N, C-alpha and C. Protein backbone atom coordinates (compact mmCIF):
# COMPACT_ATOMS: atom_id res chain seq x y z
N MET A 1 0.65 -1.43 -0.02
CA MET A 1 0.13 -0.07 0.10
C MET A 1 0.77 1.17 0.13
N PRO A 2 0.63 2.18 -0.83
CA PRO A 2 1.51 3.66 -0.85
C PRO A 2 1.53 4.26 0.37
N ARG A 3 2.66 4.64 0.66
CA ARG A 3 2.58 5.48 1.95
C ARG A 3 1.49 6.48 2.08
N ASP A 4 1.31 7.27 0.82
CA ASP A 4 0.35 8.57 1.08
C ASP A 4 -1.22 8.04 1.01
N SER A 5 -1.50 6.79 1.33
CA SER A 5 -3.11 6.93 1.05
C SER A 5 -3.38 6.86 2.40
N LEU A 6 -4.67 7.26 2.56
CA LEU A 6 -5.38 7.54 3.92
C LEU A 6 -5.65 5.89 4.79
N ASP A 7 -5.44 5.24 3.80
CA ASP A 7 -5.77 3.54 4.27
C ASP A 7 -4.53 3.33 5.21
N ASP A 8 -3.54 3.62 4.51
CA ASP A 8 -2.04 3.46 5.42
C ASP A 8 -1.77 4.38 6.65
N LEU A 9 -2.29 5.41 6.30
CA LEU A 9 -2.04 6.54 7.70
C LEU A 9 -3.22 6.09 8.52
N ASN A 10 -4.21 5.77 8.12
CA ASN A 10 -5.39 5.32 9.25
C ASN A 10 -4.92 3.77 10.03
N GLY A 11 -4.31 3.12 9.62
CA GLY A 11 -3.63 1.96 10.24
C GLY A 11 -2.37 2.24 11.08
N LYS A 12 -1.71 3.17 10.81
CA LYS A 12 -0.70 3.64 11.67
C LYS A 12 -1.28 4.25 12.72
N LEU A 13 -2.33 5.10 12.72
CA LEU A 13 -3.11 5.84 13.87
C LEU A 13 -3.86 4.96 14.45
N LEU A 14 -4.25 3.86 14.15
CA LEU A 14 -4.71 3.02 14.67
C LEU A 14 -4.05 2.01 15.67
N ALA A 15 -2.94 1.39 14.97
CA ALA A 15 -2.05 1.04 15.83
C ALA A 15 -1.56 1.81 16.98
N PHE A 16 -1.21 3.04 16.76
CA PHE A 16 -0.69 3.91 17.57
C PHE A 16 -1.64 4.05 18.79
N ALA A 17 -2.88 4.28 18.58
CA ALA A 17 -4.05 4.46 19.68
C ALA A 17 -4.00 3.18 20.27
N ARG A 18 -3.91 1.73 19.56
CA ARG A 18 -4.09 0.55 20.25
C ARG A 18 -3.03 0.02 21.26
N ASP A 19 -1.79 0.72 20.87
CA ASP A 19 -0.64 0.38 21.83
C ASP A 19 -0.75 1.03 22.94
N ARG A 20 -1.46 2.03 23.00
CA ARG A 20 -1.14 2.74 24.29
C ARG A 20 -2.67 2.60 24.97
N ASP A 21 -3.46 2.08 24.22
CA ASP A 21 -4.85 1.67 24.96
C ASP A 21 -5.71 3.25 24.94
N TRP A 22 -5.40 3.79 24.08
CA TRP A 22 -6.10 5.05 24.05
C TRP A 22 -7.45 5.02 23.32
N GLU A 23 -7.77 3.87 22.23
CA GLU A 23 -9.07 4.31 21.66
C GLU A 23 -10.31 3.77 22.43
N GLN A 24 -10.23 3.80 23.70
CA GLN A 24 -10.92 4.22 24.67
C GLN A 24 -11.48 5.57 24.93
N PHE A 25 -10.69 6.28 24.57
CA PHE A 25 -11.01 7.72 24.71
C PHE A 25 -11.29 8.46 23.21
N HIS A 26 -10.96 7.72 22.31
CA HIS A 26 -11.42 8.41 21.01
C HIS A 26 -12.60 7.72 20.35
N SER A 27 -13.52 8.23 21.18
CA SER A 27 -15.07 8.38 20.61
C SER A 27 -15.39 9.38 19.73
N PRO A 28 -16.37 9.48 18.73
CA PRO A 28 -16.70 10.21 17.92
C PRO A 28 -17.08 11.90 18.76
N LYS A 29 -17.19 11.83 19.70
CA LYS A 29 -17.48 13.38 20.61
C LYS A 29 -16.18 13.83 20.84
N ASN A 30 -15.07 12.94 21.63
CA ASN A 30 -14.01 13.50 21.98
C ASN A 30 -13.26 13.84 20.70
N LEU A 31 -13.11 12.96 19.54
CA LEU A 31 -12.50 13.20 18.48
C LEU A 31 -12.61 14.34 17.93
N SER A 32 -14.14 14.75 17.88
CA SER A 32 -14.49 15.98 17.18
C SER A 32 -14.27 17.14 18.24
N MET A 33 -14.03 17.06 19.08
CA MET A 33 -13.64 18.13 20.12
C MET A 33 -12.34 18.51 19.92
N ALA A 34 -11.61 17.11 19.75
CA ALA A 34 -9.97 17.17 19.62
C ALA A 34 -9.88 18.14 18.36
N LEU A 35 -10.65 17.76 17.28
CA LEU A 35 -10.44 18.16 15.73
C LEU A 35 -10.72 19.92 15.80
N ALA A 36 -11.64 20.15 16.60
CA ALA A 36 -12.12 21.61 16.65
C ALA A 36 -10.97 22.29 17.37
N GLY A 37 -10.78 21.73 18.63
CA GLY A 37 -9.51 22.86 19.15
C GLY A 37 -8.17 22.59 18.37
N GLU A 38 -7.76 21.72 17.66
CA GLU A 38 -6.94 21.81 16.77
C GLU A 38 -7.09 23.18 15.67
N ALA A 39 -8.09 22.76 14.90
CA ALA A 39 -8.52 23.94 14.20
C ALA A 39 -8.52 25.67 14.62
N GLY A 40 -8.57 25.34 16.02
CA GLY A 40 -8.67 26.63 16.76
C GLY A 40 -7.02 26.91 16.72
N GLU A 41 -6.05 26.28 16.86
CA GLU A 41 -4.94 26.49 17.08
C GLU A 41 -4.27 26.68 15.87
N LEU A 42 -4.77 26.21 14.92
CA LEU A 42 -4.30 26.55 13.35
C LEU A 42 -4.61 28.13 13.29
N LEU A 43 -5.89 28.41 13.52
CA LEU A 43 -6.33 29.61 13.31
C LEU A 43 -5.52 30.85 14.08
N GLU A 44 -5.01 30.39 15.17
CA GLU A 44 -3.95 31.39 16.10
C GLU A 44 -2.96 31.71 15.27
N HIS A 45 -2.56 30.77 14.55
CA HIS A 45 -1.19 31.31 13.59
C HIS A 45 -1.38 32.54 12.57
N PHE A 46 -2.67 32.62 12.36
CA PHE A 46 -2.98 33.54 11.22
C PHE A 46 -3.63 34.71 11.85
N GLN A 47 -4.34 34.77 13.15
CA GLN A 47 -4.82 35.72 13.79
C GLN A 47 -4.06 36.97 13.76
N TRP A 48 -4.80 38.19 13.36
CA TRP A 48 -4.13 39.74 13.40
C TRP A 48 -2.98 39.56 11.91
N LEU A 49 -2.95 38.86 11.36
CA LEU A 49 -1.97 38.56 10.05
C LEU A 49 -2.81 39.68 9.05
N SER A 50 -2.06 40.24 8.02
CA SER A 50 -2.68 40.54 6.76
C SER A 50 -2.82 39.47 6.23
N GLU A 51 -3.78 39.69 4.81
CA GLU A 51 -3.86 38.64 3.79
C GLU A 51 -2.45 38.42 3.15
N GLN A 52 -1.60 39.48 2.99
CA GLN A 52 -0.14 39.22 2.54
C GLN A 52 0.68 38.46 3.49
N GLN A 53 0.41 39.21 4.86
CA GLN A 53 1.11 38.12 5.78
C GLN A 53 0.94 36.54 6.00
N SER A 54 -0.19 36.54 5.70
CA SER A 54 -0.86 35.10 5.93
C SER A 54 -0.20 34.21 4.51
N ALA A 55 0.06 35.00 3.54
CA ALA A 55 0.78 34.10 2.38
C ALA A 55 2.19 34.06 2.08
N ALA A 56 2.71 34.77 3.21
CA ALA A 56 4.25 34.69 3.19
C ALA A 56 5.02 34.35 4.63
N LEU A 57 4.39 33.34 4.95
CA LEU A 57 4.91 32.93 6.14
C LEU A 57 6.43 32.66 6.19
N SER A 58 7.13 32.78 7.74
CA SER A 58 8.63 32.58 7.42
C SER A 58 8.68 30.64 7.55
N ALA A 59 9.73 30.40 7.42
CA ALA A 59 9.85 28.90 7.06
C ALA A 59 9.42 28.04 8.64
N GLU A 60 9.84 28.79 9.64
CA GLU A 60 9.88 28.24 11.01
C GLU A 60 8.01 28.14 11.13
N LYS A 61 7.52 29.44 11.04
CA LYS A 61 6.04 29.49 11.12
C LYS A 61 5.15 28.66 10.08
N LYS A 62 5.95 28.57 8.88
CA LYS A 62 4.94 27.34 7.72
C LYS A 62 4.97 26.05 8.65
N ASP A 63 6.23 25.73 9.22
CA ASP A 63 6.43 24.20 9.87
C ASP A 63 5.61 24.32 11.09
N GLN A 64 5.38 25.42 11.71
CA GLN A 64 4.19 25.32 12.98
C GLN A 64 2.78 25.09 12.46
N VAL A 65 2.67 25.97 11.41
CA VAL A 65 1.12 25.67 10.70
C VAL A 65 1.08 24.24 10.40
N ALA A 66 2.23 23.74 9.31
CA ALA A 66 1.83 22.34 8.93
C ALA A 66 1.74 21.13 9.80
N LEU A 67 2.42 21.45 11.20
CA LEU A 67 2.29 20.57 12.27
C LEU A 67 0.94 20.49 12.74
N GLU A 68 0.30 21.77 12.88
CA GLU A 68 -1.35 22.08 13.20
C GLU A 68 -2.15 21.04 12.14
N MET A 69 -1.79 21.48 11.07
CA MET A 69 -2.39 20.92 9.69
C MET A 69 -2.57 19.27 9.99
N ALA A 70 -1.53 18.52 10.43
CA ALA A 70 -0.99 17.20 10.71
C ALA A 70 -2.06 16.74 11.63
N ASP A 71 -2.03 17.47 12.49
CA ASP A 71 -3.18 17.18 13.83
C ASP A 71 -4.61 17.18 13.56
N ILE A 72 -4.96 18.02 12.77
CA ILE A 72 -6.49 17.97 12.37
C ILE A 72 -6.67 16.93 11.19
N LEU A 73 -5.79 16.65 10.49
CA LEU A 73 -5.58 15.20 9.54
C LEU A 73 -6.02 13.92 10.27
N ILE A 74 -5.02 14.02 11.33
CA ILE A 74 -5.05 13.06 12.36
C ILE A 74 -6.05 12.55 13.05
N TYR A 75 -6.97 13.78 13.70
CA TYR A 75 -7.69 13.64 14.30
C TYR A 75 -9.48 13.50 13.21
N LEU A 76 -9.26 13.95 11.89
CA LEU A 76 -10.29 13.78 11.05
C LEU A 76 -10.48 12.26 10.80
N ILE A 77 -8.94 11.77 10.42
CA ILE A 77 -8.87 10.38 10.03
C ILE A 77 -9.22 9.53 10.97
N ARG A 78 -9.02 9.54 12.56
CA ARG A 78 -9.39 8.81 13.50
C ARG A 78 -10.90 8.70 13.30
N LEU A 79 -11.54 9.90 13.51
CA LEU A 79 -12.94 10.45 13.29
C LEU A 79 -13.88 9.65 11.91
N ALA A 80 -13.20 9.64 11.22
CA ALA A 80 -13.76 8.92 10.26
C ALA A 80 -13.54 7.46 10.30
N GLU A 81 -12.76 6.85 10.79
CA GLU A 81 -12.41 5.32 11.25
C GLU A 81 -13.46 4.78 12.21
N ARG A 82 -13.57 5.73 13.13
CA ARG A 82 -14.72 5.27 14.12
C ARG A 82 -16.09 5.66 13.93
N LEU A 83 -16.46 6.46 12.63
CA LEU A 83 -17.94 6.48 12.28
C LEU A 83 -17.97 5.81 10.69
N ASP A 84 -16.97 5.16 10.43
CA ASP A 84 -16.80 4.12 9.30
C ASP A 84 -17.48 5.10 8.13
N VAL A 85 -16.69 6.25 8.18
CA VAL A 85 -17.06 7.02 6.84
C VAL A 85 -15.70 7.31 6.06
N ASP A 86 -15.81 6.68 4.52
CA ASP A 86 -14.89 6.86 3.77
C ASP A 86 -14.62 8.46 3.13
N LEU A 87 -13.35 8.79 3.71
CA LEU A 87 -13.34 10.50 3.52
C LEU A 87 -13.35 10.65 2.06
N ILE A 88 -12.49 9.94 1.04
CA ILE A 88 -12.29 9.90 -0.16
C ILE A 88 -13.57 10.01 -0.89
N ASP A 89 -14.49 9.02 -0.42
CA ASP A 89 -15.41 9.11 -1.25
C ASP A 89 -16.80 10.23 -1.03
N VAL A 90 -16.66 10.63 0.47
CA VAL A 90 -17.74 11.70 0.91
C VAL A 90 -16.91 13.11 0.37
N ALA A 91 -15.57 13.08 0.29
CA ALA A 91 -15.06 14.41 -0.51
C ALA A 91 -15.55 14.72 -1.99
N TYR A 92 -15.67 13.45 -2.50
CA TYR A 92 -15.86 13.40 -4.00
C TYR A 92 -17.84 14.08 -4.07
N ARG A 93 -18.26 13.16 -3.07
CA ARG A 93 -19.90 13.39 -3.02
C ARG A 93 -20.16 15.05 -2.49
N LYS A 94 -19.22 15.62 -1.65
CA LYS A 94 -19.36 17.05 -1.42
C LYS A 94 -19.04 17.74 -2.37
N ILE A 95 -17.63 17.59 -3.33
CA ILE A 95 -17.68 17.98 -4.54
C ILE A 95 -18.83 18.38 -5.47
N ALA A 96 -19.29 17.22 -5.79
CA ALA A 96 -20.64 17.36 -6.38
C ALA A 96 -21.77 18.11 -6.21
N VAL A 97 -21.70 17.97 -4.83
CA VAL A 97 -23.06 18.97 -4.19
C VAL A 97 -22.69 20.46 -4.42
N ASN A 98 -21.47 20.69 -4.04
CA ASN A 98 -20.84 22.11 -3.99
C ASN A 98 -20.99 22.65 -5.75
N GLN A 99 -20.68 21.82 -6.39
CA GLN A 99 -20.83 21.90 -8.19
C GLN A 99 -22.32 22.28 -8.47
N ALA A 100 -23.25 21.69 -8.07
CA ALA A 100 -24.50 21.92 -8.27
C ALA A 100 -25.17 23.05 -7.41
N ARG A 101 -24.35 23.57 -6.32
CA ARG A 101 -24.99 24.64 -5.60
C ARG A 101 -24.53 25.93 -6.02
N TYR A 102 -23.31 25.80 -6.76
CA TYR A 102 -22.37 27.21 -7.06
C TYR A 102 -21.58 26.77 -8.64
N PRO A 103 -22.65 26.92 -9.32
CA PRO A 103 -22.35 26.89 -10.81
C PRO A 103 -21.34 27.81 -11.60
N ALA A 104 -20.41 27.39 -11.80
CA ALA A 104 -19.20 28.42 -12.18
C ALA A 104 -19.74 29.54 -12.93
N ASP A 105 -20.44 29.31 -13.86
CA ASP A 105 -20.93 30.47 -14.82
C ASP A 105 -22.12 31.34 -13.99
N ARG A 106 -22.28 31.24 -12.85
CA ARG A 106 -23.20 31.73 -12.13
C ARG A 106 -22.54 32.76 -10.95
N VAL A 107 -21.46 32.15 -10.45
CA VAL A 107 -21.02 32.40 -8.91
C VAL A 107 -19.73 32.95 -9.03
N ARG A 108 -18.97 32.91 -10.25
CA ARG A 108 -17.33 33.03 -10.71
C ARG A 108 -17.12 34.64 -10.04
N GLY A 109 -16.30 34.75 -9.20
CA GLY A 109 -15.65 35.89 -8.65
C GLY A 109 -16.45 36.32 -7.37
N ASP A 110 -17.48 35.71 -6.78
CA ASP A 110 -18.80 36.05 -5.88
C ASP A 110 -18.76 35.15 -4.81
N ALA A 111 -18.28 35.54 -3.68
CA ALA A 111 -18.04 34.39 -2.58
C ALA A 111 -19.37 34.50 -1.65
N ARG A 112 -20.24 34.63 -2.19
CA ARG A 112 -21.49 34.64 -1.28
C ARG A 112 -21.75 33.14 -1.01
N ARG A 113 -22.78 32.96 0.01
CA ARG A 113 -23.45 31.64 0.37
C ARG A 113 -24.38 31.58 -0.77
N ALA A 114 -24.57 30.13 -0.82
CA ALA A 114 -25.52 29.68 -2.06
C ALA A 114 -26.93 30.16 -1.75
N GLU A 115 -27.30 30.28 -0.26
CA GLU A 115 -28.90 30.85 -0.16
C GLU A 115 -28.88 32.46 -0.62
N GLU A 116 -27.81 33.12 -0.74
CA GLU A 116 -27.72 34.44 -0.74
C GLU A 116 -27.62 34.95 -2.11
N TYR A 117 -27.65 33.82 -3.32
CA TYR A 117 -27.91 34.11 -4.87
C TYR A 117 -29.45 34.04 -5.10
N ASP A 118 -29.87 34.86 -6.16
CA ASP A 118 -30.91 34.71 -6.52
C ASP A 118 -31.43 33.49 -7.15
């Protein structure tokens, strides 16, 4: 299995949790709360930065941001495993939903929410 597959990563995360007897703590509720916390930690790195500053992070700051993103991915994969959700499948399904809700010819250059369009 390729090292870049979600299945491989899930297997490593599952083994990590089982080796430490942590699966007992990995309920969907706890994992979703941890995911939200990590998203908040990611947000902190960008709080008060301008658009330009947020796009031009130092190497050190970019590494810190990357590690927060990894935490988010880890909790998301664990949550998907606990709920038996195929993240790749559901991502493609969501893309199809978004394509229908936001037709390119209708919304190009306009970032309003779907219900705000006529």
